[in-house]
Amino acid sequence: MQARRTARELALLGISQLPATSERLEPQELQDVLIAAVRTLTNEGQESLETAVSELQRSSDRLLGSQLRANDLDSARSMVHEAIELVQGAINRLSTAIELPELVQLANQQEVRDYALEILIQVNRHKSEIDQLLTDAMVDWQLNRLARIDRDILRIAVAELMYLELKEQVAINEAIELAKRYSDEDSYRFINGVLRRFVDKLKAPVSELTVDS
């Protein structure tokens, strides 16, 4: 479970680096995309640490300012409040930075890379079909209007359902987990709705759903 979850995260980072067109990539090119995704994770960890240090320093400055530069009680409270928010932000970034080394280590495991590569292959090979299936499952919305991260999460779920034979509920749940980690509450609820409509269409008569093999 953990290996495949990490593979999905790696694939999600990789999809963002695929060509915007329907260009088919060779296996080695997709391997290079995965390597770039791992480097992205490593850089993200470093950036999170640097930002956390900066936020802690700014928090310290705000606290010092509340003691030395505040003209009244309201100003002091405002500075302290800003300092607390900066500390909270730093804690969140540090938490992310702590998780990333483990994620990078897992991303370098062969099992993880193999499944991430399989996801990328299927998304790259069937992107047009996947996007059409998602468009058909959406109500009063267009796929190209979604945030890219949300489109890619949906593409991974459909690729796993259609071409990697993942169970429906597992695919939906894993897509929701990806959205919770990388997007926001509104997005994961929307993704859940789209995928459930998509699954309903899969169960409809064959004449209502056409997929190129």
C-alpha atoms as a PDB file:
ATOM      1  CA  MET A   1       0.000   0.000   0.000  1.00  0.00           C
ATOM      2  CA  GLN A   2       2.707   2.498   1.021  1.00  0.00           C
ATOM      3  CA  ALA A   3       4.824   1.674  -2.030  1.00  0.00           C
ATOM      4  CA  ARG A   4       1.958   2.324  -4.437  1.00  0.00           C
ATOM      5  CA  ARG A   5       0.895   5.464  -2.584  1.00  0.00           C
ATOM      6  CA  THR A   6       4.432   6.808  -2.931  1.00  0.00           C
ATOM      7  CA  ALA A   7       4.426   5.756  -6.596  1.00  0.00           C
ATOM      8  CA  ARG A   8       1.276   7.829  -7.167  1.00  0.00           C
ATOM      9  CA  GLU A   9       2.885  10.875  -5.585  1.00  0.00           C
ATOM     10  CA  LEU A  10       5.945  10.382  -7.748  1.00  0.00           C
ATOM     11  CA  ALA A  11       3.779   9.947 -10.848  1.00  0.00           C
ATOM     12  CA  LEU A  12       1.816  13.082  -9.935  1.00  0.00           C
ATOM     13  CA  LEU A  13       5.034  15.090  -9.881  1.00  0.00           C
ATOM     14  CA  GLY A  14       6.107  13.424 -13.097  1.00  0.00           C
ATOM     15  CA  ILE A  15       2.893  14.106 -15.014  1.00  0.00           C
ATOM     16  CA  SER A  16       3.412  17.833 -14.557  1.00  0.00           C
ATOM     17  CA  GLN A  17       6.647  17.447 -16.526  1.00  0.00           C
ATOM     18  CA  LEU A  18       5.110  15.566 -19.448  1.00  0.00           C
ATOM     19  CA  PRO A  19       4.601  17.465 -22.733  1.00  0.00           C
ATOM     20  CA  ALA A  20       1.338  19.388 -22.926  1.00  0.00           C
ATOM     21  CA  THR A  21       0.683  17.805 -26.329  1.00  0.00           C
ATOM     22  CA  SER A  22      -0.237  14.167 -26.929  1.00  0.00           C
ATOM     23  CA  GLU A  23       3.368  13.329 -27.790  1.00  0.00           C
ATOM     24  CA  ARG A  24       4.265   9.723 -27.025  1.00  0.00           C
ATOM     25  CA  LEU A  25       7.434   9.409 -24.977  1.00  0.00           C
ATOM     26  CA  GLU A  26       9.898   6.545 -25.092  1.00  0.00           C
ATOM     27  CA  PRO A  27      10.480   4.478 -21.900  1.00  0.00           C
ATOM     28  CA  GLN A  28      13.861   6.123 -21.302  1.00  0.00           C
ATOM     29  CA  GLU A  29      12.295   9.578 -21.591  1.00  0.00           C
ATOM     30  CA  LEU A  30       9.708   8.591 -18.996  1.00  0.00           C
ATOM     31  CA  GLN A  31      12.498   7.273 -16.758  1.00  0.00           C
ATOM     32  CA  ASP A  32      14.108  10.705 -17.035  1.00  0.00           C
ATOM     33  CA  VAL A  33      10.806  12.273 -15.996  1.00  0.00           C
ATOM     34  CA  LEU A  34      10.810  10.117 -12.844  1.00  0.00           C
ATOM     35  CA  ILE A  35      14.382  11.119 -12.032  1.00  0.00           C
ATOM     36  CA  ALA A  36      13.379  14.766 -12.390  1.00  0.00           C
ATOM     37  CA  ALA A  37      10.416  14.141 -10.060  1.00  0.00           C
ATOM     38  CA  VAL A  38      12.710  12.706  -7.367  1.00  0.00           C
ATOM     39  CA  ARG A  39      14.972  15.751  -7.720  1.00  0.00           C
ATOM     40  CA  THR A  40      11.898  17.945  -7.303  1.00  0.00           C
ATOM     41  CA  LEU A  41      11.121  16.201  -4.008  1.00  0.00           C
ATOM     42  CA  THR A  42      14.690  16.715  -2.807  1.00  0.00           C
ATOM     43  CA  ASN A  43      14.644  20.402  -3.743  1.00  0.00           C
ATOM     44  CA  GLU A  44      11.240  20.835  -2.102  1.00  0.00           C
ATOM     45  CA  GLY A  45      12.638  19.503   1.163  1.00  0.00           C
ATOM     46  CA  GLN A  46      15.546  21.931   1.047  1.00  0.00           C
ATOM     47  CA  GLU A  47      13.272  24.861   0.201  1.00  0.00           C
ATOM     48  CA  SER A  48      10.883  23.933   3.042  1.00  0.00           C
ATOM     49  CA  LEU A  49      13.749  24.000   5.532  1.00  0.00           C
ATOM     50  CA  GLU A  50      15.058  27.333   4.245  1.00  0.00           C
ATOM     51  CA  THR A  51      11.580  28.900   4.337  1.00  0.00           C
ATOM     52  CA  ALA A  52      10.966  27.567   7.851  1.00  0.00           C
ATOM     53  CA  VAL A  53      14.220  29.126   9.079  1.00  0.00           C
ATOM     54  CA  SER A  54      13.239  32.431   7.456  1.00  0.00           C
ATOM     55  CA  GLU A  55       9.774  32.351   9.053  1.00  0.00           C
ATOM     56  CA  LEU A  56      11.229  31.611  12.483  1.00  0.00           C
ATOM     57  CA  GLN A  57      13.590  34.549  12.113  1.00  0.00           C
ATOM     58  CA  ARG A  58      10.745  36.847  11.094  1.00  0.00           C
ATOM     59  CA  SER A  59       8.713  35.558  14.030  1.00  0.00           C
ATOM     60  CA  SER A  60      11.566  36.416  16.383  1.00  0.00           C
ATOM     61  CA  ASP A  61      11.728  39.914  14.871  1.00  0.00           C
ATOM     62  CA  ARG A  62       7.988  40.415  15.391  1.00  0.00           C
ATOM     63  CA  LEU A  63       8.206  39.332  19.033  1.00  0.00           C
ATOM     64  CA  LEU A  64      11.150  41.644  19.623  1.00  0.00           C
ATOM     65  CA  GLY A  65       9.285  44.447  17.881  1.00  0.00           C
ATOM     66  CA  SER A  66       6.240  43.909  20.083  1.00  0.00           C
ATOM     67  CA  GLN A  67       8.454  44.616  23.090  1.00  0.00           C
ATOM     68  CA  LEU A  68      10.505  47.487  21.694  1.00  0.00           C
ATOM     69  CA  ARG A  69       8.564  49.202  18.901  1.00  0.00           C
ATOM     70  CA  ALA A  70       4.851  48.766  19.658  1.00  0.00           C
ATOM     71  CA  ASN A  71       3.207  52.100  20.447  1.00  0.00           C
ATOM     72  CA  ASP A  72       0.179  50.631  22.168  1.00  0.00           C
ATOM     73  CA  LEU A  73      -1.355  47.366  23.331  1.00  0.00           C
ATOM     74  CA  ASP A  74      -3.183  46.759  20.050  1.00  0.00           C
ATOM     75  CA  SER A  75       0.032  47.101  18.039  1.00  0.00           C
ATOM     76  CA  ALA A  76       1.808  44.709  20.390  1.00  0.00           C
ATOM     77  CA  ARG A  77      -0.995  42.154  20.100  1.00  0.00           C
ATOM     78  CA  SER A  78      -0.909  42.423  16.301  1.00  0.00           C
ATOM     79  CA  MET A  79       2.841  41.777  16.235  1.00  0.00           C
ATOM     80  CA  VAL A  80       2.522  38.800  18.579  1.00  0.00           C
ATOM     81  CA  HIS A  81      -0.304  37.396  16.445  1.00  0.00           C
ATOM     82  CA  GLU A  82       1.873  37.721  13.328  1.00  0.00           C
ATOM     83  CA  ALA A  83       4.714  36.000  15.159  1.00  0.00           C
ATOM     84  CA  ILE A  84       2.464  33.080  16.139  1.00  0.00           C
ATOM     85  CA  GLU A  85       1.235  32.666  12.557  1.00  0.00           C
ATOM     86  CA  LEU A  86       4.824  32.633  11.290  1.00  0.00           C
ATOM     87  CA  VAL A  87       5.778  29.975  13.852  1.00  0.00           C
ATOM     88  CA  GLN A  88       2.791  27.852  12.830  1.00  0.00           C
ATOM     89  CA  GLY A  89       3.818  28.161   9.198  1.00  0.00           C
ATOM     90  CA  ALA A  90       7.385  27.196  10.081  1.00  0.00           C
ATOM     91  CA  ILE A  91       6.180  24.135  12.015  1.00  0.00           C
ATOM     92  CA  ASN A  92       4.089  22.999   9.030  1.00  0.00           C
ATOM     93  CA  ARG A  93       7.035  23.413   6.675  1.00  0.00           C
ATOM     94  CA  LEU A  94       9.348  21.571   9.043  1.00  0.00           C
ATOM     95  CA  SER A  95       6.828  18.740   9.219  1.00  0.00           C
ATOM     96  CA  THR A  96       6.846  18.533   5.419  1.00  0.00           C
ATOM     97  CA  ALA A  97      10.632  18.675   5.303  1.00  0.00           C
ATOM     98  CA  ILE A  98      10.869  15.814   7.808  1.00  0.00           C
ATOM     99  CA  GLU A  99       8.545  13.624   5.716  1.00  0.00           C
ATOM    100  CA  LEU A 100      10.289  14.275   2.403  1.00  0.00           C
ATOM    101  CA  PRO A 101      13.543  12.342   3.014  1.00  0.00           C
ATOM    102  CA  GLU A 102      11.498   9.189   3.679  1.00  0.00           C
ATOM    103  CA  LEU A 103       9.459   9.875   0.556  1.00  0.00           C
ATOM    104  CA  VAL A 104      12.640  10.336  -1.489  1.00  0.00           C
ATOM    105  CA  GLN A 105      14.053   7.108  -0.092  1.00  0.00           C
ATOM    106  CA  LEU A 106      10.871   5.233  -0.998  1.00  0.00           C
ATOM    107  CA  ALA A 107      10.842   6.870  -4.432  1.00  0.00           C
ATOM    108  CA  ASN A 108      14.218   5.295  -5.142  1.00  0.00           C
ATOM    109  CA  GLN A 109      12.920   1.766  -4.510  1.00  0.00           C
ATOM    110  CA  GLN A 110      12.475  -0.297  -7.667  1.00  0.00           C
ATOM    111  CA  GLU A 111       8.909  -1.333  -6.806  1.00  0.00           C
ATOM    112  CA  VAL A 112       7.884   2.288  -6.402  1.00  0.00           C
ATOM    113  CA  ARG A 113       9.585   3.428  -9.581  1.00  0.00           C
ATOM    114  CA  ASP A 114       8.138   0.570 -11.606  1.00  0.00           C
ATOM    115  CA  TYR A 115       4.554   1.397 -10.633  1.00  0.00           C
ATOM    116  CA  ALA A 116       5.079   5.150 -11.040  1.00  0.00           C
ATOM    117  CA  LEU A 117       6.507   4.490 -14.494  1.00  0.00           C
ATOM    118  CA  GLU A 118       3.521   2.289 -15.378  1.00  0.00           C
ATOM    119  CA  ILE A 119       1.158   5.113 -14.408  1.00  0.00           C
ATOM    120  CA  LEU A 120       3.121   7.595 -16.535  1.00  0.00           C
ATOM    121  CA  ILE A 121       3.140   5.197 -19.486  1.00  0.00           C
ATOM    122  CA  GLN A 122      -0.635   4.750 -19.369  1.00  0.00           C
ATOM    123  CA  VAL A 123      -1.378   8.452 -18.883  1.00  0.00           C
ATOM    124  CA  ASN A 124       1.001   9.381 -21.696  1.00  0.00           C
ATOM    125  CA  ARG A 125      -0.354   6.667 -24.019  1.00  0.00           C
ATOM    126  CA  HIS A 126      -4.066   7.233 -23.352  1.00  0.00           C
ATOM    127  CA  LYS A 127      -4.200  10.909 -22.407  1.00  0.00           C
ATOM    128  CA  SER A 128      -6.777  11.854 -25.058  1.00  0.00           C
ATOM    129  CA  GLU A 129      -9.081   8.972 -24.106  1.00  0.00           C
ATOM    130  CA  ILE A 130      -8.678   9.662 -20.388  1.00  0.00           C
ATOM    131  CA  ASP A 131      -9.446  13.357 -20.800  1.00  0.00           C
ATOM    132  CA  GLN A 132     -12.541  12.577 -22.878  1.00  0.00           C
ATOM    133  CA  LEU A 133     -13.800  10.108 -20.268  1.00  0.00           C
ATOM    134  CA  LEU A 134     -13.299  12.696 -17.540  1.00  0.00           C
ATOM    135  CA  THR A 135     -15.024  15.391 -19.592  1.00  0.00           C
ATOM    136  CA  ASP A 136     -18.016  13.083 -20.043  1.00  0.00           C
ATOM    137  CA  ALA A 137     -18.141  12.517 -16.272  1.00  0.00           C
ATOM    138  CA  MET A 138     -18.127  16.213 -15.379  1.00  0.00           C
ATOM    139  CA  VAL A 139     -21.283  18.245 -14.849  1.00  0.00           C
ATOM    140  CA  ASP A 140     -21.391  21.960 -15.755  1.00  0.00           C
ATOM    141  CA  TRP A 141     -17.583  22.141 -15.740  1.00  0.00           C
ATOM    142  CA  GLN A 142     -14.690  21.769 -18.142  1.00  0.00           C
ATOM    143  CA  LEU A 143     -11.553  19.729 -17.567  1.00  0.00           C
ATOM    144  CA  ASN A 144      -9.263  22.496 -18.820  1.00  0.00           C
ATOM    145  CA  ARG A 145     -10.683  24.873 -16.206  1.00  0.00           C
ATOM    146  CA  LEU A 146      -9.448  22.718 -13.326  1.00  0.00           C
ATOM    147  CA  ALA A 147      -6.193  23.396 -11.559  1.00  0.00           C
ATOM    148  CA  ARG A 148      -3.477  21.297 -13.189  1.00  0.00           C
ATOM    149  CA  ILE A 149      -2.844  19.327  -9.989  1.00  0.00           C
ATOM    150  CA  ASP A 150      -6.521  18.311  -9.852  1.00  0.00           C
ATOM    151  CA  ARG A 151      -6.573  17.280 -13.523  1.00  0.00           C
ATOM    152  CA  ASP A 152      -3.492  15.137 -12.998  1.00  0.00           C
ATOM    153  CA  ILE A 153      -4.935  13.445  -9.905  1.00  0.00           C
ATOM    154  CA  LEU A 154      -8.044  12.573 -11.910  1.00  0.00           C
ATOM    155  CA  ARG A 155      -5.913  11.272 -14.794  1.00  0.00           C
ATOM    156  CA  ILE A 156      -3.974   8.983 -12.464  1.00  0.00           C
ATOM    157  CA  ALA A 157      -7.176   7.563 -10.991  1.00  0.00           C
ATOM    158  CA  VAL A 158      -8.712   6.885 -14.407  1.00  0.00           C
ATOM    159  CA  ALA A 159      -5.473   5.359 -15.713  1.00  0.00           C
ATOM    160  CA  GLU A 160      -5.373   3.003 -12.728  1.00  0.00           C
ATOM    161  CA  LEU A 161      -9.024   2.084 -13.147  1.00  0.00           C
ATOM    162  CA  MET A 162      -9.005   1.602 -16.900  1.00  0.00           C
ATOM    163  CA  TYR A 163      -5.551   0.243 -17.649  1.00  0.00           C
ATOM    164  CA  LEU A 164      -4.026  -1.030 -14.388  1.00  0.00           C
ATOM    165  CA  GLU A 165      -7.133  -2.822 -13.089  1.00  0.00           C
ATOM    166  CA  LEU A 166      -7.234  -1.095  -9.722  1.00  0.00           C
ATOM    167  CA  LYS A 167     -10.448  -1.592  -7.756  1.00  0.00           C
ATOM    168  CA  GLU A 168     -12.918   1.273  -8.029  1.00  0.00           C
ATOM    169  CA  GLN A 169     -13.088   2.220  -4.345  1.00  0.00           C
ATOM    170  CA  VAL A 170      -9.315   1.981  -3.927  1.00  0.00           C
ATOM    171  CA  ALA A 171      -8.729   4.281  -6.919  1.00  0.00           C
ATOM    172  CA  ILE A 172     -11.216   6.833  -5.600  1.00  0.00           C
ATOM    173  CA  ASN A 173      -9.842   6.735  -2.049  1.00  0.00           C
ATOM    174  CA  GLU A 174      -6.249   7.106  -3.247  1.00  0.00           C
ATOM    175  CA  ALA A 175      -7.186  10.047  -5.466  1.00  0.00           C
ATOM    176  CA  ILE A 176      -8.861  11.713  -2.485  1.00  0.00           C
ATOM    177  CA  GLU A 177      -5.726  11.197  -0.380  1.00  0.00           C
ATOM    178  CA  LEU A 178      -3.580  12.756  -3.109  1.00  0.00           C
ATOM    179  CA  ALA A 179      -5.940  15.732  -3.307  1.00  0.00           C
ATOM    180  CA  LYS A 180      -5.900  16.208   0.472  1.00  0.00           C
ATOM    181  CA  ARG A 181      -2.102  16.258   0.425  1.00  0.00           C
ATOM    182  CA  TYR A 182      -1.525  18.397  -2.649  1.00  0.00           C
ATOM    183  CA  SER A 183      -4.748  20.368  -3.176  1.00  0.00           C
ATOM    184  CA  ASP A 184      -7.539  21.588  -0.884  1.00  0.00           C
ATOM    185  CA  GLU A 185     -10.851  20.525   0.663  1.00  0.00           C
ATOM    186  CA  ASP A 186     -13.017  21.795  -2.188  1.00  0.00           C
ATOM    187  CA  SER A 187     -10.824  19.964  -4.691  1.00  0.00           C
ATOM    188  CA  TYR A 188     -10.911  16.579  -3.005  1.00  0.00           C
ATOM    189  CA  ARG A 189     -14.686  16.753  -2.701  1.00  0.00           C
ATOM    190  CA  PHE A 190     -14.962  17.692  -6.375  1.00  0.00           C
ATOM    191  CA  ILE A 191     -12.566  14.898  -7.405  1.00  0.00           C
ATOM    192  CA  ASN A 192     -14.586  12.402  -5.372  1.00  0.00           C
ATOM    193  CA  GLY A 193     -17.758  13.458  -7.181  1.00  0.00           C
ATOM    194  CA  VAL A 194     -16.229  13.286 -10.661  1.00  0.00           C
ATOM    195  CA  LEU A 195     -14.735   9.835 -10.073  1.00  0.00           C
ATOM    196  CA  ARG A 196     -17.971   8.442  -8.666  1.00  0.00           C
ATOM    197  CA  ARG A 197     -19.848   9.665 -11.744  1.00  0.00           C
ATOM    198  CA  PHE A 198     -17.103   8.169 -13.900  1.00  0.00           C
ATOM    199  CA  VAL A 199     -17.468   4.793 -12.156  1.00  0.00           C
ATOM    200  CA  ASP A 200     -21.235   4.952 -12.616  1.00  0.00           C
ATOM    201  CA  LYS A 201     -20.683   5.464 -16.349  1.00  0.00           C
ATOM    202  CA  LEU A 202     -18.337   2.472 -16.423  1.00  0.00           C
ATOM    203  CA  LYS A 203     -21.144   0.347 -15.069  1.00  0.00           C
ATOM    204  CA  ALA A 204     -23.582   1.691 -17.663  1.00  0.00           C
ATOM    205  CA  PRO A 205     -24.375  -0.273 -20.864  1.00  0.00           C
ATOM    206  CA  VAL A 206     -21.424  -0.502 -23.257  1.00  0.00           C
ATOM    207  CA  SER A 207     -23.216   1.669 -25.814  1.00  0.00           C
ATOM    208  CA  GLU A 208     -23.031   4.614 -23.383  1.00  0.00           C
ATOM    209  CA  LEU A 209     -19.266   4.445 -22.936  1.00  0.00           C
ATOM    210  CA  THR A 210     -16.746   4.111 -25.748  1.00  0.00           C
ATOM    211  CA  VAL A 211     -13.050   3.701 -25.065  1.00  0.00           C
ATOM    212  CA  ASP A 212     -10.297   3.223 -27.633  1.00  0.00           C
ATOM    213  CA  SER A 213      -8.299   0.132 -26.819  1.00  0.00           C
END
